[in-house]
């Protein structure tokens, strides 16, 4: 019995030593912040995202939208090579007419000029932003009167494709 307990104690001590050694060696470069490590994607190629979006209550009130739309799951994409972006939806910057992409820090900003009337106002600009740190999505429209109305909000996550 003493041999079994002694073996278990030695095994536990050995595992504790290995665990501690892995902790010391695996800490890596301490100058890298957790935000930089967790920031998804790079500024190269194409980034596919899936988003859960819903109408923003303030935007709904500002435009007089009375229909209660449920939140929806949709796709978004930014192409860093072509400097364009789009997302799917009824009131969206569509794939066929993508907007211009600009990157400011962790924010991906896609915008395009517009000239159409909807909700009783003349819309002259559409844009959406995705914050890669938080996954936050916001779409806003600019009106001819100079107002910017936040219309849609939600959360996006990058789609990671398997290597096969």
C-alpha atoms as a PDB file:
ATOM      1  CA  UNK A   1       0.000   0.000   0.000  1.00  0.00           C
ATOM      2  CA  UNK A   2       2.894   2.360   0.832  1.00  0.00           C
ATOM      3  CA  UNK A   3       4.402   1.703  -2.615  1.00  0.00           C
ATOM      4  CA  UNK A   4       1.136   2.565  -4.359  1.00  0.00           C
ATOM      5  CA  UNK A   5       0.708   5.802  -2.394  1.00  0.00           C
ATOM      6  CA  UNK A   6       4.378   6.666  -2.957  1.00  0.00           C
ATOM      7  CA  UNK A   7       3.986   6.045  -6.705  1.00  0.00           C
ATOM      8  CA  UNK A   8       0.898   8.226  -6.829  1.00  0.00           C
ATOM      9  CA  UNK A   9       2.673  11.031  -4.966  1.00  0.00           C
ATOM     10  CA  UNK A  10       5.678  10.852  -7.306  1.00  0.00           C
ATOM     11  CA  UNK A  11       3.365  10.844 -10.338  1.00  0.00           C
ATOM     12  CA  UNK A  12       1.497  13.883  -9.041  1.00  0.00           C
ATOM     13  CA  UNK A  13       4.765  15.710  -8.350  1.00  0.00           C
ATOM     14  CA  UNK A  14       6.049  14.876 -11.836  1.00  0.00           C
ATOM     15  CA  UNK A  15       2.814  16.071 -13.474  1.00  0.00           C
ATOM     16  CA  UNK A  16       2.892  19.271 -11.405  1.00  0.00           C
ATOM     17  CA  UNK A  17       6.467  19.907 -12.510  1.00  0.00           C
ATOM     18  CA  UNK A  18       5.603  19.366 -16.174  1.00  0.00           C
ATOM     19  CA  UNK A  19       2.518  21.579 -15.848  1.00  0.00           C
ATOM     20  CA  UNK A  20       4.589  24.365 -14.254  1.00  0.00           C
ATOM     21  CA  UNK A  21       7.301  24.073 -16.904  1.00  0.00           C
ATOM     22  CA  UNK A  22       4.710  24.304 -19.677  1.00  0.00           C
ATOM     23  CA  UNK A  23       3.260  27.403 -18.022  1.00  0.00           C
ATOM     24  CA  UNK A  24       6.646  29.090 -17.902  1.00  0.00           C
ATOM     25  CA  UNK A  25       7.717  28.160 -21.422  1.00  0.00           C
ATOM     26  CA  UNK A  26       4.303  28.552 -23.028  1.00  0.00           C
ATOM     27  CA  UNK A  27       3.717  32.130 -21.893  1.00  0.00           C
ATOM     28  CA  UNK A  28       5.417  33.411 -25.056  1.00  0.00           C
ATOM     29  CA  UNK A  29       6.017  37.088 -25.681  1.00  0.00           C
ATOM     30  CA  UNK A  30       4.424  39.065 -22.870  1.00  0.00           C
ATOM     31  CA  UNK A  31       4.469  42.273 -24.958  1.00  0.00           C
ATOM     32  CA  UNK A  32       1.580  41.036 -27.136  1.00  0.00           C
ATOM     33  CA  UNK A  33      -1.730  42.193 -25.740  1.00  0.00           C
ATOM     34  CA  UNK A  34      -4.722  39.810 -25.570  1.00  0.00           C
ATOM     35  CA  UNK A  35      -6.618  42.072 -28.007  1.00  0.00           C
ATOM     36  CA  UNK A  36      -3.916  41.686 -30.667  1.00  0.00           C
ATOM     37  CA  UNK A  37      -3.836  37.927 -30.231  1.00  0.00           C
ATOM     38  CA  UNK A  38      -7.610  37.538 -30.469  1.00  0.00           C
ATOM     39  CA  UNK A  39      -8.118  39.997 -33.326  1.00  0.00           C
ATOM     40  CA  UNK A  40      -9.542  37.875 -36.160  1.00  0.00           C
ATOM     41  CA  UNK A  41      -8.417  38.101 -39.746  1.00  0.00           C
ATOM     42  CA  UNK A  42      -5.781  40.065 -41.512  1.00  0.00           C
ATOM     43  CA  UNK A  43      -5.964  42.802 -44.102  1.00  0.00           C
ATOM     44  CA  UNK A  44      -5.366  40.394 -46.988  1.00  0.00           C
ATOM     45  CA  UNK A  45      -7.625  38.387 -49.264  1.00  0.00           C
ATOM     46  CA  UNK A  46     -11.333  37.877 -48.634  1.00  0.00           C
ATOM     47  CA  UNK A  47     -13.007  37.706 -45.218  1.00  0.00           C
ATOM     48  CA  UNK A  48     -16.389  35.975 -44.977  1.00  0.00           C
ATOM     49  CA  UNK A  49     -18.576  36.697 -41.959  1.00  0.00           C
ATOM     50  CA  UNK A  50     -21.908  35.549 -40.641  1.00  0.00           C
ATOM     51  CA  UNK A  51     -23.987  38.155 -38.827  1.00  0.00           C
ATOM     52  CA  UNK A  52     -27.101  38.301 -36.674  1.00  0.00           C
ATOM     53  CA  UNK A  53     -28.791  41.631 -37.411  1.00  0.00           C
ATOM     54  CA  UNK A  54     -31.877  43.488 -36.240  1.00  0.00           C
ATOM     55  CA  UNK A  55     -33.427  46.907 -36.787  1.00  0.00           C
ATOM     56  CA  UNK A  56     -32.163  49.610 -34.442  1.00  0.00           C
ATOM     57  CA  UNK A  57     -35.055  50.976 -32.390  1.00  0.00           C
ATOM     58  CA  UNK A  58     -33.942  54.619 -32.688  1.00  0.00           C
ATOM     59  CA  UNK A  59     -33.583  54.294 -36.469  1.00  0.00           C
ATOM     60  CA  UNK A  60     -36.949  52.590 -36.689  1.00  0.00           C
ATOM     61  CA  UNK A  61     -38.581  55.480 -34.813  1.00  0.00           C
ATOM     62  CA  UNK A  62     -36.720  58.159 -36.821  1.00  0.00           C
ATOM     63  CA  UNK A  63     -37.920  56.680 -40.107  1.00  0.00           C
ATOM     64  CA  UNK A  64     -41.419  55.824 -38.889  1.00  0.00           C
ATOM     65  CA  UNK A  65     -41.042  52.090 -39.552  1.00  0.00           C
ATOM     66  CA  UNK A  66     -43.919  50.370 -37.785  1.00  0.00           C
ATOM     67  CA  UNK A  67     -43.392  46.817 -39.026  1.00  0.00           C
ATOM     68  CA  UNK A  68     -41.728  44.680 -36.367  1.00  0.00           C
ATOM     69  CA  UNK A  69     -38.989  42.789 -38.207  1.00  0.00           C
ATOM     70  CA  UNK A  70     -37.411  39.826 -36.427  1.00  0.00           C
ATOM     71  CA  UNK A  71     -33.632  39.577 -36.252  1.00  0.00           C
ATOM     72  CA  UNK A  72     -32.061  37.646 -39.106  1.00  0.00           C
ATOM     73  CA  UNK A  73     -28.889  35.723 -39.876  1.00  0.00           C
ATOM     74  CA  UNK A  74     -27.046  36.945 -42.972  1.00  0.00           C
ATOM     75  CA  UNK A  75     -23.673  36.846 -44.717  1.00  0.00           C
ATOM     76  CA  UNK A  76     -21.189  39.694 -45.094  1.00  0.00           C
ATOM     77  CA  UNK A  77     -17.908  39.831 -46.970  1.00  0.00           C
ATOM     78  CA  UNK A  78     -14.995  42.213 -47.345  1.00  0.00           C
ATOM     79  CA  UNK A  79     -12.391  41.863 -50.074  1.00  0.00           C
ATOM     80  CA  UNK A  80      -9.166  43.572 -49.045  1.00  0.00           C
ATOM     81  CA  UNK A  81      -7.638  43.065 -52.510  1.00  0.00           C
ATOM     82  CA  UNK A  82     -10.467  44.888 -54.306  1.00  0.00           C
ATOM     83  CA  UNK A  83     -11.207  47.221 -51.337  1.00  0.00           C
ATOM     84  CA  UNK A  84     -14.915  46.367 -51.430  1.00  0.00           C
ATOM     85  CA  UNK A  85     -17.535  44.934 -49.100  1.00  0.00           C
ATOM     86  CA  UNK A  86     -21.185  43.906 -48.975  1.00  0.00           C
ATOM     87  CA  UNK A  87     -23.810  42.163 -46.872  1.00  0.00           C
ATOM     88  CA  UNK A  88     -27.137  40.496 -47.655  1.00  0.00           C
ATOM     89  CA  UNK A  89     -30.494  41.935 -46.695  1.00  0.00           C
ATOM     90  CA  UNK A  90     -33.501  44.002 -47.745  1.00  0.00           C
ATOM     91  CA  UNK A  91     -31.823  47.320 -46.938  1.00  0.00           C
ATOM     92  CA  UNK A  92     -28.230  46.372 -47.705  1.00  0.00           C
ATOM     93  CA  UNK A  93     -25.067  47.123 -49.612  1.00  0.00           C
ATOM     94  CA  UNK A  94     -25.514  44.154 -51.916  1.00  0.00           C
ATOM     95  CA  UNK A  95     -22.924  41.897 -53.513  1.00  0.00           C
ATOM     96  CA  UNK A  96     -23.827  43.152 -56.999  1.00  0.00           C
ATOM     97  CA  UNK A  97     -23.198  46.784 -55.936  1.00  0.00           C
ATOM     98  CA  UNK A  98     -20.572  46.522 -53.227  1.00  0.00           C
ATOM     99  CA  UNK A  99     -19.313  49.532 -51.341  1.00  0.00           C
ATOM    100  CA  UNK A 100     -15.822  50.952 -50.899  1.00  0.00           C
ATOM    101  CA  UNK A 101     -13.836  49.420 -48.040  1.00  0.00           C
ATOM    102  CA  UNK A 102     -11.640  51.413 -45.699  1.00  0.00           C
ATOM    103  CA  UNK A 103      -9.883  50.058 -42.617  1.00  0.00           C
ATOM    104  CA  UNK A 104      -9.473  52.308 -39.585  1.00  0.00           C
ATOM    105  CA  UNK A 105      -7.819  50.487 -36.695  1.00  0.00           C
ATOM    106  CA  UNK A 106      -9.974  47.473 -35.906  1.00  0.00           C
ATOM    107  CA  UNK A 107     -12.995  48.828 -37.812  1.00  0.00           C
ATOM    108  CA  UNK A 108     -13.919  47.747 -41.325  1.00  0.00           C
ATOM    109  CA  UNK A 109     -15.961  50.552 -42.913  1.00  0.00           C
ATOM    110  CA  UNK A 110     -17.879  49.973 -46.146  1.00  0.00           C
ATOM    111  CA  UNK A 111     -19.749  52.860 -47.767  1.00  0.00           C
ATOM    112  CA  UNK A 112     -21.196  53.943 -51.059  1.00  0.00           C
ATOM    113  CA  UNK A 113     -23.110  56.905 -52.407  1.00  0.00           C
ATOM    114  CA  UNK A 114     -26.823  56.416 -53.003  1.00  0.00           C
ATOM    115  CA  UNK A 115     -29.712  58.353 -54.456  1.00  0.00           C
ATOM    116  CA  UNK A 116     -33.099  56.817 -53.761  1.00  0.00           C
ATOM    117  CA  UNK A 117     -36.175  57.524 -51.716  1.00  0.00           C
ATOM    118  CA  UNK A 118     -37.338  55.132 -49.031  1.00  0.00           C
ATOM    119  CA  UNK A 119     -39.315  55.602 -45.796  1.00  0.00           C
ATOM    120  CA  UNK A 120     -40.331  59.048 -47.063  1.00  0.00           C
ATOM    121  CA  UNK A 121     -36.759  60.431 -47.085  1.00  0.00           C
ATOM    122  CA  UNK A 122     -34.158  60.844 -49.816  1.00  0.00           C
ATOM    123  CA  UNK A 123     -31.152  58.643 -49.000  1.00  0.00           C
ATOM    124  CA  UNK A 124     -27.795  59.796 -50.372  1.00  0.00           C
ATOM    125  CA  UNK A 125     -25.337  57.492 -48.542  1.00  0.00           C
ATOM    126  CA  UNK A 126     -25.241  53.961 -47.161  1.00  0.00           C
ATOM    127  CA  UNK A 127     -22.546  52.530 -44.932  1.00  0.00           C
ATOM    128  CA  UNK A 128     -21.836  49.738 -42.510  1.00  0.00           C
ATOM    129  CA  UNK A 129     -19.041  49.100 -40.050  1.00  0.00           C
ATOM    130  CA  UNK A 130     -17.804  45.925 -38.421  1.00  0.00           C
ATOM    131  CA  UNK A 131     -15.501  46.186 -35.421  1.00  0.00           C
ATOM    132  CA  UNK A 132     -13.148  43.204 -35.506  1.00  0.00           C
ATOM    133  CA  UNK A 133     -12.384  43.518 -31.781  1.00  0.00           C
ATOM    134  CA  UNK A 134     -15.987  43.229 -30.620  1.00  0.00           C
ATOM    135  CA  UNK A 135     -17.812  41.794 -33.665  1.00  0.00           C
ATOM    136  CA  UNK A 136     -20.199  44.757 -33.523  1.00  0.00           C
ATOM    137  CA  UNK A 137     -22.073  45.567 -36.779  1.00  0.00           C
ATOM    138  CA  UNK A 138     -23.803  48.883 -37.500  1.00  0.00           C
ATOM    139  CA  UNK A 139     -25.463  50.065 -40.688  1.00  0.00           C
ATOM    140  CA  UNK A 140     -26.432  53.680 -41.155  1.00  0.00           C
ATOM    141  CA  UNK A 141     -27.899  55.760 -43.932  1.00  0.00           C
ATOM    142  CA  UNK A 142     -27.308  59.403 -44.737  1.00  0.00           C
ATOM    143  CA  UNK A 143     -30.229  61.559 -45.777  1.00  0.00           C
ATOM    144  CA  UNK A 144     -30.289  64.496 -48.143  1.00  0.00           C
ATOM    145  CA  UNK A 145     -31.055  66.758 -45.176  1.00  0.00           C
ATOM    146  CA  UNK A 146     -27.676  65.838 -43.650  1.00  0.00           C
ATOM    147  CA  UNK A 147     -28.867  63.427 -40.956  1.00  0.00           C
ATOM    148  CA  UNK A 148     -27.162  60.097 -40.316  1.00  0.00           C
ATOM    149  CA  UNK A 149     -29.583  57.444 -39.091  1.00  0.00           C
ATOM    150  CA  UNK A 150     -28.369  54.198 -37.555  1.00  0.00           C
ATOM    151  CA  UNK A 151     -30.735  51.647 -39.037  1.00  0.00           C
ATOM    152  CA  UNK A 152     -29.406  48.144 -38.344  1.00  0.00           C
ATOM    153  CA  UNK A 153     -27.219  46.730 -35.578  1.00  0.00           C
ATOM    154  CA  UNK A 154     -25.930  43.308 -34.682  1.00  0.00           C
ATOM    155  CA  UNK A 155     -22.954  41.032 -34.246  1.00  0.00           C
ATOM    156  CA  UNK A 156     -20.692  39.332 -36.794  1.00  0.00           C
ATOM    157  CA  UNK A 157     -18.136  36.546 -36.603  1.00  0.00           C
ATOM    158  CA  UNK A 158     -15.576  35.486 -39.172  1.00  0.00           C
ATOM    159  CA  UNK A 159     -16.297  32.224 -40.970  1.00  0.00           C
ATOM    160  CA  UNK A 160     -13.265  29.965 -40.724  1.00  0.00           C
ATOM    161  CA  UNK A 161     -13.206  27.454 -43.546  1.00  0.00           C
ATOM    162  CA  UNK A 162     -11.767  24.001 -42.840  1.00  0.00           C
ATOM    163  CA  UNK A 163      -8.575  23.062 -44.710  1.00  0.00           C
ATOM    164  CA  UNK A 164     -10.230  20.356 -46.826  1.00  0.00           C
END
